Amino acid sequence: MTKNLPMTVLAHIDDVVVFQTAACLETDTDISSDLYQSQQSTAQANYGALNLGLHVNDQAARVLGNRMHVLAAINEQLRPVDALATDRAQGRYIKRLHWVDQVHGKHIYDVDACPLSMQPAAADAMVSQQAGLGLAVMTADCVPVVLYQPASGRIAAIHAGWQGLAGGVIPAAVERFTQAGEIQAWIGVCISQANYEVDSRVRDKLLAGCRDSQALPVQTLSGTERFDQLYVATSAAHQTTDSAACKDKITLDLPKIAADQLSHAGVNLANKAPISCSYADSHYYSYRRQTHLQQPATGRMALIIVRGAVSHTGGEMS
């Protein structure tokens, strides 16, 4: 936890730090249990302790307050750990935390090339080479990815649901790293294959999109059989006695698809621990879990990458 917030550090390299926020909806609870289902299925929104989404009918003032708390906690984390270091210039700080209006597409927002605005850009990825700011993408099951290139100092944050993976948002973001040098990536909390049951038509659209965007190796996209071997399993969840209703249900491995797209683009996946499942772990927000529990809304968490800079001032949001 960071400054009493449900927020952890996933990586710290050079002056770049990666943070994952959580929700604290429940603790030590098995979401598959009948007790949990009966307690939670109350037709009430569950925004948890740190909702960061302005688009889910939560109170805007509370969400903006949460974002400010996150910014403050990040700067607290970037301070010198040496208690004797009285000169604040010895530490790293960010002045701004950038957010976008995520639309399940592939548009890349270049923070450095655009003026500051009160209206967030419609995009599903951000890139920047500036020190002193952070990039945040919100999720509640989709795959969040952040990138860092030590040679250039460039960072990126990507929101990739199945539509973004099909549209090629990951390779489109990687293309913005025009300088030679290794790029490292981290994947944040997202839904696991075991809990991502979809109609087979979603698989067909995803496969077709990956072909069009050339987001995966040609041999992977040569046919449905090969794609299924790598990323598809027969659904075992939510089975009914009506076989006709279940025959087209499959489970998709979105984080593996994202990881393989990163590898195909020449990016090194730097995750040191297994990726947590947003659906199975009630510490995190999950749109699919909200739907299954018949709740009208849930919050959004964020994967955040920051590049600190020497600063004597506080932070701001955009």
C-alpha atoms as a PDB file:
ATOM      1  CA  MET A   1       0.000   0.000   0.000  1.00  0.00           C
ATOM      2  CA  THR A   2       1.069   3.589  -0.711  1.00  0.00           C
ATOM      3  CA  LYS A   3       0.227   6.368   1.754  1.00  0.00           C
ATOM      4  CA  ASN A   4      -2.760   4.393   3.082  1.00  0.00           C
ATOM      5  CA  LEU A   5      -4.221   4.062  -0.411  1.00  0.00           C
ATOM      6  CA  PRO A   6      -4.952   0.733  -2.147  1.00  0.00           C
ATOM      7  CA  MET A   7      -2.024   1.249  -4.495  1.00  0.00           C
ATOM      8  CA  THR A   8       1.192  -0.709  -5.025  1.00  0.00           C
ATOM      9  CA  VAL A   9       4.476  -0.241  -6.860  1.00  0.00           C
ATOM     10  CA  LEU A  10       4.957  -2.775  -9.668  1.00  0.00           C
ATOM     11  CA  ALA A  11       8.337  -1.538 -10.870  1.00  0.00           C
ATOM     12  CA  HIS A  12      10.934   1.168 -10.249  1.00  0.00           C
ATOM     13  CA  ILE A  13      13.654   1.690 -12.861  1.00  0.00           C
ATOM     14  CA  ASP A  14      15.770   4.837 -13.157  1.00  0.00           C
ATOM     15  CA  ASP A  15      13.385   7.753 -12.589  1.00  0.00           C
ATOM     16  CA  VAL A  16      10.357   5.744 -13.773  1.00  0.00           C
ATOM     17  CA  VAL A  17       7.865   4.075 -11.428  1.00  0.00           C
ATOM     18  CA  VAL A  18       4.840   1.905 -12.277  1.00  0.00           C
ATOM     19  CA  PHE A  19       1.844   1.910  -9.911  1.00  0.00           C
ATOM     20  CA  GLN A  20      -1.251  -0.304  -9.787  1.00  0.00           C
ATOM     21  CA  THR A  21      -4.284   0.959  -7.901  1.00  0.00           C
ATOM     22  CA  ALA A  22      -6.972  -1.292  -6.418  1.00  0.00           C
ATOM     23  CA  ALA A  23     -10.492  -0.931  -5.069  1.00  0.00           C
ATOM     24  CA  CYS A  24     -10.767  -2.536  -1.622  1.00  0.00           C
ATOM     25  CA  LEU A  25     -14.312  -3.671  -2.364  1.00  0.00           C
ATOM     26  CA  GLU A  26     -13.962  -6.711  -0.109  1.00  0.00           C
ATOM     27  CA  THR A  27     -11.157  -8.474   1.739  1.00  0.00           C
ATOM     28  CA  ASP A  28     -10.416 -12.160   2.094  1.00  0.00           C
ATOM     29  CA  THR A  29     -13.632 -13.126   0.353  1.00  0.00           C
ATOM     30  CA  ASP A  30     -14.269 -15.856  -2.189  1.00  0.00           C
ATOM     31  CA  ILE A  31     -16.392 -14.164  -4.851  1.00  0.00           C
ATOM     32  CA  SER A  32     -17.717 -17.520  -6.036  1.00  0.00           C
ATOM     33  CA  SER A  33     -19.302 -18.251  -2.658  1.00  0.00           C
ATOM     34  CA  ASP A  34     -23.075 -18.142  -2.247  1.00  0.00           C
ATOM     35  CA  LEU A  35     -22.667 -15.809   0.743  1.00  0.00           C
ATOM     36  CA  TYR A  36     -20.686 -13.271  -1.270  1.00  0.00           C
ATOM     37  CA  GLN A  37     -23.172 -13.454  -4.143  1.00  0.00           C
ATOM     38  CA  SER A  38     -26.143 -12.876  -1.827  1.00  0.00           C
ATOM     39  CA  GLN A  39     -24.436 -10.018   0.009  1.00  0.00           C
ATOM     40  CA  GLN A  40     -23.285  -8.206  -3.117  1.00  0.00           C
ATOM     41  CA  SER A  41     -26.229  -8.703  -5.476  1.00  0.00           C
ATOM     42  CA  THR A  42     -28.157  -5.775  -4.031  1.00  0.00           C
ATOM     43  CA  ALA A  43     -28.684  -3.647  -7.159  1.00  0.00           C
ATOM     44  CA  GLN A  44     -26.359  -1.039  -5.663  1.00  0.00           C
ATOM     45  CA  ALA A  45     -23.289   0.449  -7.284  1.00  0.00           C
ATOM     46  CA  ASN A  46     -20.046  -0.571  -5.614  1.00  0.00           C
ATOM     47  CA  TYR A  47     -17.418   2.130  -6.027  1.00  0.00           C
ATOM     48  CA  GLY A  48     -15.028   0.879  -3.371  1.00  0.00           C
ATOM     49  CA  ALA A  49     -12.316   2.974  -1.782  1.00  0.00           C
ATOM     50  CA  LEU A  50     -10.540   4.439  -4.810  1.00  0.00           C
ATOM     51  CA  ASN A  51     -12.736   4.775  -7.891  1.00  0.00           C
ATOM     52  CA  LEU A  52     -10.858   6.780 -10.538  1.00  0.00           C
ATOM     53  CA  GLY A  53     -13.484   6.718 -13.304  1.00  0.00           C
ATOM     54  CA  LEU A  54     -15.579   9.814 -13.995  1.00  0.00           C
ATOM     55  CA  HIS A  55     -17.843   7.948 -16.423  1.00  0.00           C
ATOM     56  CA  VAL A  56     -19.454   5.404 -14.056  1.00  0.00           C
ATOM     57  CA  ASN A  57     -22.023   7.663 -12.333  1.00  0.00           C
ATOM     58  CA  ASP A  58     -20.001   8.141  -9.166  1.00  0.00           C
ATOM     59  CA  GLN A  59     -19.848  11.630  -7.662  1.00  0.00           C
ATOM     60  CA  ALA A  60     -17.429  13.691  -9.751  1.00  0.00           C
ATOM     61  CA  ALA A  61     -16.059  15.530  -6.716  1.00  0.00           C
ATOM     62  CA  ARG A  62     -15.220  12.237  -5.028  1.00  0.00           C
ATOM     63  CA  VAL A  63     -13.508  10.857  -8.133  1.00  0.00           C
ATOM     64  CA  LEU A  64     -11.461  14.017  -8.646  1.00  0.00           C
ATOM     65  CA  GLY A  65     -10.542  13.886  -4.975  1.00  0.00           C
ATOM     66  CA  ASN A  66      -9.387  10.291  -5.411  1.00  0.00           C
ATOM     67  CA  ARG A  67      -7.232  11.319  -8.358  1.00  0.00           C
ATOM     68  CA  MET A  68      -5.644  14.075  -6.294  1.00  0.00           C
ATOM     69  CA  HIS A  69      -4.966  11.594  -3.487  1.00  0.00           C
ATOM     70  CA  VAL A  70      -3.251   9.308  -6.001  1.00  0.00           C
ATOM     71  CA  LEU A  71      -1.106  12.170  -7.284  1.00  0.00           C
ATOM     72  CA  ALA A  72      -0.115  13.091  -3.734  1.00  0.00           C
ATOM     73  CA  ALA A  73       0.670   9.459  -2.893  1.00  0.00           C
ATOM     74  CA  ILE A  74       2.853   9.148  -5.988  1.00  0.00           C
ATOM     75  CA  ASN A  75       4.858  12.212  -5.008  1.00  0.00           C
ATOM     76  CA  GLU A  76       5.183  10.868  -1.483  1.00  0.00           C
ATOM     77  CA  GLN A  77       6.579   7.640  -2.933  1.00  0.00           C
ATOM     78  CA  LEU A  78       9.070   9.563  -5.083  1.00  0.00           C
ATOM     79  CA  ARG A  79      10.493  11.528  -2.140  1.00  0.00           C
ATOM     80  CA  PRO A  80      13.960  10.669  -0.829  1.00  0.00           C
ATOM     81  CA  VAL A  81      13.887   7.742   1.562  1.00  0.00           C
ATOM     82  CA  ASP A  82      16.818   9.238   3.481  1.00  0.00           C
ATOM     83  CA  ALA A  83      15.342  11.089   6.444  1.00  0.00           C
ATOM     84  CA  LEU A  84      18.464  13.290   6.548  1.00  0.00           C
ATOM     85  CA  ALA A  85      17.890  14.570   3.007  1.00  0.00           C
ATOM     86  CA  THR A  86      16.338  17.941   3.792  1.00  0.00           C
ATOM     87  CA  ASP A  87      16.780  19.352   0.298  1.00  0.00           C
ATOM     88  CA  ARG A  88      13.605  18.420  -1.622  1.00  0.00           C
ATOM     89  CA  ALA A  89      15.562  18.783  -4.855  1.00  0.00           C
ATOM     90  CA  GLN A  90      17.176  15.457  -3.996  1.00  0.00           C
ATOM     91  CA  GLY A  91      13.822  13.783  -4.718  1.00  0.00           C
ATOM     92  CA  ARG A  92      11.732  13.177  -7.813  1.00  0.00           C
ATOM     93  CA  TYR A  93       8.249  14.561  -8.327  1.00  0.00           C
ATOM     94  CA  ILE A  94       5.537  14.751 -10.950  1.00  0.00           C
ATOM     95  CA  LYS A  95       3.524  17.884 -11.635  1.00  0.00           C
ATOM     96  CA  ARG A  96       0.707  16.321 -13.626  1.00  0.00           C
ATOM     97  CA  LEU A  97      -1.149  13.056 -14.030  1.00  0.00           C
ATOM     98  CA  HIS A  98      -2.742  12.645 -17.462  1.00  0.00           C
ATOM     99  CA  TRP A  99      -5.967  10.770 -18.208  1.00  0.00           C
ATOM    100  CA  VAL A 100      -7.848  10.151 -21.458  1.00  0.00           C
ATOM    101  CA  ASP A 101     -11.431   9.396 -22.456  1.00  0.00           C
ATOM    102  CA  GLN A 102     -11.004   5.721 -23.372  1.00  0.00           C
ATOM    103  CA  VAL A 103     -13.063   4.625 -26.389  1.00  0.00           C
ATOM    104  CA  HIS A 104     -11.878   1.056 -27.162  1.00  0.00           C
ATOM    105  CA  GLY A 105      -9.967   2.171 -30.244  1.00  0.00           C
ATOM    106  CA  LYS A 106      -6.342   2.640 -31.294  1.00  0.00           C
ATOM    107  CA  HIS A 107      -5.838   6.415 -31.242  1.00  0.00           C
ATOM    108  CA  ILE A 108      -2.593   7.468 -29.545  1.00  0.00           C
ATOM    109  CA  TYR A 109      -2.529  10.762 -27.635  1.00  0.00           C
ATOM    110  CA  ASP A 110       0.871  12.487 -27.733  1.00  0.00           C
ATOM    111  CA  VAL A 111       0.984  14.409 -24.467  1.00  0.00           C
ATOM    112  CA  ASP A 112       4.043  16.417 -25.502  1.00  0.00           C
ATOM    113  CA  ALA A 113       2.498  17.623 -28.773  1.00  0.00           C
ATOM    114  CA  CYS A 114      -0.867  18.753 -27.393  1.00  0.00           C
ATOM    115  CA  PRO A 115      -1.737  21.778 -25.235  1.00  0.00           C
ATOM    116  CA  LEU A 116      -3.190  21.207 -21.775  1.00  0.00           C
ATOM    117  CA  SER A 117      -6.980  21.027 -21.786  1.00  0.00           C
ATOM    118  CA  MET A 118      -9.788  20.536 -19.287  1.00  0.00           C
ATOM    119  CA  GLN A 119     -11.376  18.151 -21.799  1.00  0.00           C
ATOM    120  CA  PRO A 120      -9.616  14.769 -21.944  1.00  0.00           C
ATOM    121  CA  ALA A 121      -8.738  13.514 -25.397  1.00  0.00           C
ATOM    122  CA  ALA A 122     -10.572  10.514 -26.843  1.00  0.00           C
ATOM    123  CA  ALA A 123      -7.802   7.920 -27.023  1.00  0.00           C
ATOM    124  CA  ASP A 124      -6.723   4.532 -25.723  1.00  0.00           C
ATOM    125  CA  ALA A 125      -3.017   5.190 -25.329  1.00  0.00           C
ATOM    126  CA  MET A 126      -0.716   8.045 -24.354  1.00  0.00           C
ATOM    127  CA  VAL A 127       2.963   8.669 -24.991  1.00  0.00           C
ATOM    128  CA  SER A 128       5.360  11.230 -23.551  1.00  0.00           C
ATOM    129  CA  GLN A 129       9.050  11.963 -23.288  1.00  0.00           C
ATOM    130  CA  GLN A 130       8.708  14.652 -20.627  1.00  0.00           C
ATOM    131  CA  ALA A 131       9.979  14.274 -17.112  1.00  0.00           C
ATOM    132  CA  GLY A 132       7.700  15.323 -14.303  1.00  0.00           C
ATOM    133  CA  LEU A 133       4.430  13.743 -15.342  1.00  0.00           C
ATOM    134  CA  GLY A 134       2.469  10.499 -15.232  1.00  0.00           C
ATOM    135  CA  LEU A 135       0.181   8.605 -17.611  1.00  0.00           C
ATOM    136  CA  ALA A 136      -2.819   6.668 -16.284  1.00  0.00           C
ATOM    137  CA  VAL A 137      -5.156   4.197 -17.989  1.00  0.00           C
ATOM    138  CA  MET A 138      -8.322   2.973 -16.289  1.00  0.00           C
ATOM    139  CA  THR A 139      -9.593  -0.594 -16.357  1.00  0.00           C
ATOM    140  CA  ALA A 140     -12.126  -2.932 -14.819  1.00  0.00           C
ATOM    141  CA  ASP A 141     -11.163  -6.140 -16.727  1.00  0.00           C
ATOM    142  CA  CYS A 142      -9.444  -4.844 -19.887  1.00  0.00           C
ATOM    143  CA  VAL A 143      -5.676  -5.215 -20.241  1.00  0.00           C
ATOM    144  CA  PRO A 144      -3.609  -2.197 -19.153  1.00  0.00           C
ATOM    145  CA  VAL A 145      -0.045  -1.922 -20.458  1.00  0.00           C
ATOM    146  CA  VAL A 146       2.715   0.593 -19.777  1.00  0.00           C
ATOM    147  CA  LEU A 147       5.970   1.007 -21.708  1.00  0.00           C
ATOM    148  CA  TYR A 148       9.352   2.540 -20.917  1.00  0.00           C
ATOM    149  CA  GLN A 149      12.425   3.011 -23.096  1.00  0.00           C
ATOM    150  CA  PRO A 150      15.496   3.838 -20.996  1.00  0.00           C
ATOM    151  CA  ALA A 151      17.507   5.153 -23.960  1.00  0.00           C
ATOM    152  CA  SER A 152      14.991   7.863 -24.835  1.00  0.00           C
ATOM    153  CA  GLY A 153      13.135   8.310 -21.554  1.00  0.00           C
ATOM    154  CA  ARG A 154       9.853   7.841 -23.421  1.00  0.00           C
ATOM    155  CA  ILE A 155       6.908   6.303 -21.583  1.00  0.00           C
ATOM    156  CA  ALA A 156       3.478   5.120 -22.716  1.00  0.00           C
ATOM    157  CA  ALA A 157       0.248   3.840 -21.204  1.00  0.00           C
ATOM    158  CA  ILE A 158      -2.174   1.647 -23.167  1.00  0.00           C
ATOM    159  CA  HIS A 159      -5.769   0.500 -22.596  1.00  0.00           C
ATOM    160  CA  ALA A 160      -6.432  -2.740 -24.495  1.00  0.00           C
ATOM    161  CA  GLY A 161      -9.723  -4.591 -24.397  1.00  0.00           C
ATOM    162  CA  TRP A 162     -10.425  -7.193 -27.055  1.00  0.00           C
ATOM    163  CA  GLN A 163     -11.348  -4.411 -29.487  1.00  0.00           C
ATOM    164  CA  GLY A 164      -8.094  -2.579 -28.857  1.00  0.00           C
ATOM    165  CA  LEU A 165      -6.126  -5.805 -29.233  1.00  0.00           C
ATOM    166  CA  ALA A 166      -7.936  -6.450 -32.511  1.00  0.00           C
ATOM    167  CA  GLY A 167      -7.390  -2.902 -33.716  1.00  0.00           C
ATOM    168  CA  GLY A 168      -3.665  -2.903 -33.014  1.00  0.00           C
ATOM    169  CA  VAL A 169      -3.449  -0.308 -30.255  1.00  0.00           C
ATOM    170  CA  ILE A 170      -0.343  -1.981 -28.799  1.00  0.00           C
ATOM    171  CA  PRO A 171       1.782  -1.964 -31.995  1.00  0.00           C
ATOM    172  CA  ALA A 172       0.478   1.536 -32.769  1.00  0.00           C
ATOM    173  CA  ALA A 173       1.811   2.753 -29.426  1.00  0.00           C
ATOM    174  CA  VAL A 174       5.127   0.956 -29.876  1.00  0.00           C
ATOM    175  CA  GLU A 175       5.560   2.685 -33.252  1.00  0.00           C
ATOM    176  CA  ARG A 176       5.741   6.012 -31.391  1.00  0.00           C
ATOM    177  CA  PHE A 177       9.080   4.905 -29.943  1.00  0.00           C
ATOM    178  CA  THR A 178      11.164   6.052 -32.884  1.00  0.00           C
ATOM    179  CA  GLN A 179      14.561   5.962 -31.187  1.00  0.00           C
ATOM    180  CA  ALA A 180      16.567   2.741 -31.137  1.00  0.00           C
ATOM    181  CA  GLY A 181      16.780   0.937 -27.830  1.00  0.00           C
ATOM    182  CA  GLU A 182      15.083  -1.710 -25.732  1.00  0.00           C
ATOM    183  CA  ILE A 183      11.491  -1.080 -24.664  1.00  0.00           C
ATOM    184  CA  GLN A 184      10.190  -2.630 -21.464  1.00  0.00           C
ATOM    185  CA  ALA A 185       6.521  -3.335 -20.719  1.00  0.00           C
ATOM    186  CA  TRP A 186       4.379  -4.158 -17.716  1.00  0.00           C
ATOM    187  CA  ILE A 187       0.854  -5.579 -17.839  1.00  0.00           C
ATOM    188  CA  GLY A 188      -1.438  -4.640 -14.973  1.00  0.00           C
ATOM    189  CA  VAL A 189      -4.389  -6.354 -13.330  1.00  0.00           C
ATOM    190  CA  CYS A 190      -6.928  -7.660 -15.855  1.00  0.00           C
ATOM    191  CA  ILE A 191      -9.386 -10.488 -16.348  1.00  0.00           C
ATOM    192  CA  SER A 192      -7.944 -13.997 -16.657  1.00  0.00           C
ATOM    193  CA  GLN A 193      -8.858 -16.499 -19.336  1.00  0.00           C
ATOM    194  CA  ALA A 194     -10.751 -18.660 -16.845  1.00  0.00           C
ATOM    195  CA  ASN A 195     -13.192 -15.822 -16.209  1.00  0.00           C
ATOM    196  CA  TYR A 196     -13.442 -14.255 -19.667  1.00  0.00           C
ATOM    197  CA  GLU A 197     -16.216 -16.199 -21.343  1.00  0.00           C
ATOM    198  CA  VAL A 198     -17.385 -14.814 -24.690  1.00  0.00           C
ATOM    199  CA  ASP A 199     -19.247 -15.843 -27.804  1.00  0.00           C
ATOM    200  CA  SER A 200     -17.055 -17.435 -30.462  1.00  0.00           C
ATOM    201  CA  ARG A 201     -17.884 -14.516 -32.752  1.00  0.00           C
ATOM    202  CA  VAL A 202     -15.714 -12.310 -30.526  1.00  0.00           C
ATOM    203  CA  ARG A 203     -12.818 -14.679 -31.247  1.00  0.00           C
ATOM    204  CA  ASP A 204     -13.527 -14.413 -34.969  1.00  0.00           C
ATOM    205  CA  LYS A 205     -13.493 -10.605 -34.864  1.00  0.00           C
ATOM    206  CA  LEU A 206     -10.340 -10.591 -32.754  1.00  0.00           C
ATOM    207  CA  LEU A 207      -8.550 -12.948 -35.131  1.00  0.00           C
ATOM    208  CA  ALA A 208      -9.615 -10.902 -38.168  1.00  0.00           C
ATOM    209  CA  GLY A 209      -8.524  -7.678 -36.499  1.00  0.00           C
ATOM    210  CA  CYS A 210      -5.117  -9.063 -35.547  1.00  0.00           C
ATOM    211  CA  ARG A 211      -4.639 -10.107 -39.166  1.00  0.00           C
ATOM    212  CA  ASP A 212      -5.523  -6.642 -40.435  1.00  0.00           C
ATOM    213  CA  SER A 213      -3.262  -4.892 -37.922  1.00  0.00           C
ATOM    214  CA  GLN A 214      -0.492  -7.516 -38.226  1.00  0.00           C
ATOM    215  CA  ALA A 215      -0.345  -7.489 -34.441  1.00  0.00           C
ATOM    216  CA  LEU A 216       0.749 -11.134 -34.133  1.00  0.00           C
ATOM    217  CA  PRO A 217       3.113 -13.397 -36.082  1.00  0.00           C
ATOM    218  CA  VAL A 218       1.815 -14.633 -39.439  1.00  0.00           C
ATOM    219  CA  GLN A 219       1.979 -18.270 -38.347  1.00  0.00           C
ATOM    220  CA  THR A 220      -0.245 -17.498 -35.368  1.00  0.00           C
ATOM    221  CA  LEU A 221      -2.846 -15.947 -37.649  1.00  0.00           C
ATOM    222  CA  SER A 222      -2.724 -18.603 -40.366  1.00  0.00           C
ATOM    223  CA  GLY A 223      -5.942 -20.212 -39.186  1.00  0.00           C
ATOM    224  CA  THR A 224      -8.453 -20.520 -36.401  1.00  0.00           C
ATOM    225  CA  GLU A 225      -6.940 -23.788 -35.176  1.00  0.00           C
ATOM    226  CA  ARG A 226      -3.535 -22.280 -34.392  1.00  0.00           C
ATOM    227  CA  PHE A 227      -5.079 -19.185 -32.786  1.00  0.00           C
ATOM    228  CA  ASP A 228      -7.325 -21.385 -30.649  1.00  0.00           C
ATOM    229  CA  GLN A 229      -4.403 -23.517 -29.494  1.00  0.00           C
ATOM    230  CA  LEU A 230      -2.697 -20.441 -28.101  1.00  0.00           C
ATOM    231  CA  TYR A 231      -5.507 -18.285 -26.757  1.00  0.00           C
ATOM    232  CA  VAL A 232      -8.843 -20.140 -26.603  1.00  0.00           C
ATOM    233  CA  ALA A 233     -10.319 -22.744 -24.276  1.00  0.00           C
ATOM    234  CA  THR A 234     -13.712 -24.400 -24.079  1.00  0.00           C
ATOM    235  CA  SER A 235     -15.843 -22.582 -21.556  1.00  0.00           C
ATOM    236  CA  ALA A 236     -16.362 -24.341 -18.240  1.00  0.00           C
ATOM    237  CA  ALA A 237     -17.957 -21.419 -16.412  1.00  0.00           C
ATOM    238  CA  HIS A 238     -21.644 -20.663 -16.135  1.00  0.00           C
ATOM    239  CA  GLN A 239     -22.650 -23.946 -17.766  1.00  0.00           C
ATOM    240  CA  THR A 240     -26.340 -24.712 -18.234  1.00  0.00           C
ATOM    241  CA  THR A 241     -28.210 -27.863 -19.102  1.00  0.00           C
ATOM    242  CA  ASP A 242     -29.041 -26.348 -22.477  1.00  0.00           C
ATOM    243  CA  SER A 243     -26.098 -27.428 -24.628  1.00  0.00           C
ATOM    244  CA  ALA A 244     -27.265 -25.242 -27.512  1.00  0.00           C
ATOM    245  CA  ALA A 245     -26.849 -22.164 -25.333  1.00  0.00           C
ATOM    246  CA  CYS A 246     -23.275 -23.123 -24.447  1.00  0.00           C
ATOM    247  CA  LYS A 247     -21.872 -24.555 -27.655  1.00  0.00           C
ATOM    248  CA  ASP A 248     -20.565 -21.212 -28.920  1.00  0.00           C
ATOM    249  CA  LYS A 249     -19.096 -20.114 -25.581  1.00  0.00           C
ATOM    250  CA  ILE A 250     -15.318 -19.978 -25.237  1.00  0.00           C
ATOM    251  CA  THR A 251     -12.799 -18.335 -22.932  1.00  0.00           C
ATOM    252  CA  LEU A 252     -10.181 -15.950 -24.330  1.00  0.00           C
ATOM    253  CA  ASP A 253      -6.738 -15.266 -22.877  1.00  0.00           C
ATOM    254  CA  LEU A 254      -6.481 -11.498 -23.322  1.00  0.00           C
ATOM    255  CA  PRO A 255      -3.313 -10.983 -21.228  1.00  0.00           C
ATOM    256  CA  LYS A 256      -1.476 -13.646 -23.250  1.00  0.00           C
ATOM    257  CA  ILE A 257      -2.587 -12.031 -26.502  1.00  0.00           C
ATOM    258  CA  ALA A 258      -1.317  -8.684 -25.211  1.00  0.00           C
ATOM    259  CA  ALA A 259       1.986 -10.240 -24.126  1.00  0.00           C
ATOM    260  CA  ASP A 260       2.461 -11.898 -27.512  1.00  0.00           C
ATOM    261  CA  GLN A 261       1.638  -8.665 -29.332  1.00  0.00           C
ATOM    262  CA  LEU A 262       4.289  -6.921 -27.263  1.00  0.00           C
ATOM    263  CA  SER A 263       6.812  -9.644 -28.065  1.00  0.00           C
ATOM    264  CA  HIS A 264       5.955  -9.465 -31.773  1.00  0.00           C
ATOM    265  CA  ALA A 265       6.586  -5.706 -31.641  1.00  0.00           C
ATOM    266  CA  GLY A 266      10.013  -6.301 -30.109  1.00  0.00           C
ATOM    267  CA  VAL A 267       9.079  -5.269 -26.567  1.00  0.00           C
ATOM    268  CA  ASN A 268      10.366  -7.052 -23.468  1.00  0.00           C
ATOM    269  CA  LEU A 269       7.688  -7.992 -20.929  1.00  0.00           C
ATOM    270  CA  ALA A 270       9.147  -7.157 -17.514  1.00  0.00           C
ATOM    271  CA  ASN A 271       6.461  -8.469 -15.135  1.00  0.00           C
ATOM    272  CA  LYS A 272       8.108 -10.321 -12.247  1.00  0.00           C
ATOM    273  CA  ALA A 273       4.943 -11.788 -10.720  1.00  0.00           C
ATOM    274  CA  PRO A 274       1.821 -13.460 -12.142  1.00  0.00           C
ATOM    275  CA  ILE A 275      -0.850 -11.051 -13.364  1.00  0.00           C
ATOM    276  CA  SER A 276      -3.745 -10.841 -10.905  1.00  0.00           C
ATOM    277  CA  CYS A 277      -7.293 -11.449 -12.158  1.00  0.00           C
ATOM    278  CA  SER A 278      -9.643  -8.497 -11.768  1.00  0.00           C
ATOM    279  CA  TYR A 279     -12.709 -10.760 -11.731  1.00  0.00           C
ATOM    280  CA  ALA A 280     -11.500 -13.344  -9.231  1.00  0.00           C
ATOM    281  CA  ASP A 281      -9.897 -10.940  -6.754  1.00  0.00           C
ATOM    282  CA  SER A 282     -12.419  -8.655  -5.080  1.00  0.00           C
ATOM    283  CA  HIS A 283      -9.676  -6.169  -4.199  1.00  0.00           C
ATOM    284  CA  TYR A 284     -10.032  -5.009  -7.815  1.00  0.00           C
ATOM    285  CA  TYR A 285     -12.810  -3.576  -9.951  1.00  0.00           C
ATOM    286  CA  SER A 286     -14.433  -5.875 -12.504  1.00  0.00           C
ATOM    287  CA  TYR A 287     -17.139  -4.853 -14.960  1.00  0.00           C
ATOM    288  CA  ARG A 288     -17.934  -8.499 -15.648  1.00  0.00           C
ATOM    289  CA  ARG A 289     -18.295  -9.292 -11.954  1.00  0.00           C
ATOM    290  CA  GLN A 290     -20.544  -6.253 -11.577  1.00  0.00           C
ATOM    291  CA  THR A 291     -22.703  -7.575 -14.414  1.00  0.00           C
ATOM    292  CA  HIS A 292     -22.940 -11.070 -12.948  1.00  0.00           C
ATOM    293  CA  LEU A 293     -23.912  -9.598  -9.561  1.00  0.00           C
ATOM    294  CA  GLN A 294     -26.516  -7.395 -11.272  1.00  0.00           C
ATOM    295  CA  GLN A 295     -25.027  -4.217  -9.867  1.00  0.00           C
ATOM    296  CA  PRO A 296     -25.716  -1.027 -11.843  1.00  0.00           C
ATOM    297  CA  ALA A 297     -22.131   0.241 -11.732  1.00  0.00           C
ATOM    298  CA  THR A 298     -18.652  -0.300 -10.407  1.00  0.00           C
ATOM    299  CA  GLY A 299     -15.505   1.788 -10.269  1.00  0.00           C
ATOM    300  CA  ARG A 300     -12.310   1.862 -12.285  1.00  0.00           C
ATOM    301  CA  MET A 301      -8.731   1.255 -11.173  1.00  0.00           C
ATOM    302  CA  ALA A 302      -5.616   2.499 -12.940  1.00  0.00           C
ATOM    303  CA  LEU A 303      -2.222   1.368 -14.108  1.00  0.00           C
ATOM    304  CA  ILE A 304       0.050   4.397 -13.916  1.00  0.00           C
ATOM    305  CA  ILE A 305       3.556   5.053 -15.189  1.00  0.00           C
ATOM    306  CA  VAL A 306       5.395   8.160 -14.010  1.00  0.00           C
ATOM    307  CA  ARG A 307       8.705   9.727 -14.907  1.00  0.00           C
ATOM    308  CA  GLY A 308       9.898  11.860 -12.047  1.00  0.00           C
ATOM    309  CA  ALA A 309      11.677  15.184 -12.332  1.00  0.00           C
ATOM    310  CA  VAL A 310      13.350  17.483  -9.824  1.00  0.00           C
ATOM    311  CA  SER A 311      10.638  19.844  -8.628  1.00  0.00           C
ATOM    312  CA  HIS A 312       9.813  22.117  -5.689  1.00  0.00           C
ATOM    313  CA  THR A 313       6.135  22.440  -6.568  1.00  0.00           C
ATOM    314  CA  GLY A 314       3.012  20.392  -6.056  1.00  0.00           C
ATOM    315  CA  GLY A 315       1.143  18.438  -8.666  1.00  0.00           C
ATOM    316  CA  GLU A 316      -1.835  19.042 -10.893  1.00  0.00           C
ATOM    317  CA  MET A 317      -4.078  16.923 -13.074  1.00  0.00           C
ATOM    318  CA  SER A 318      -5.089  17.156 -16.696  1.00  0.00           C
END
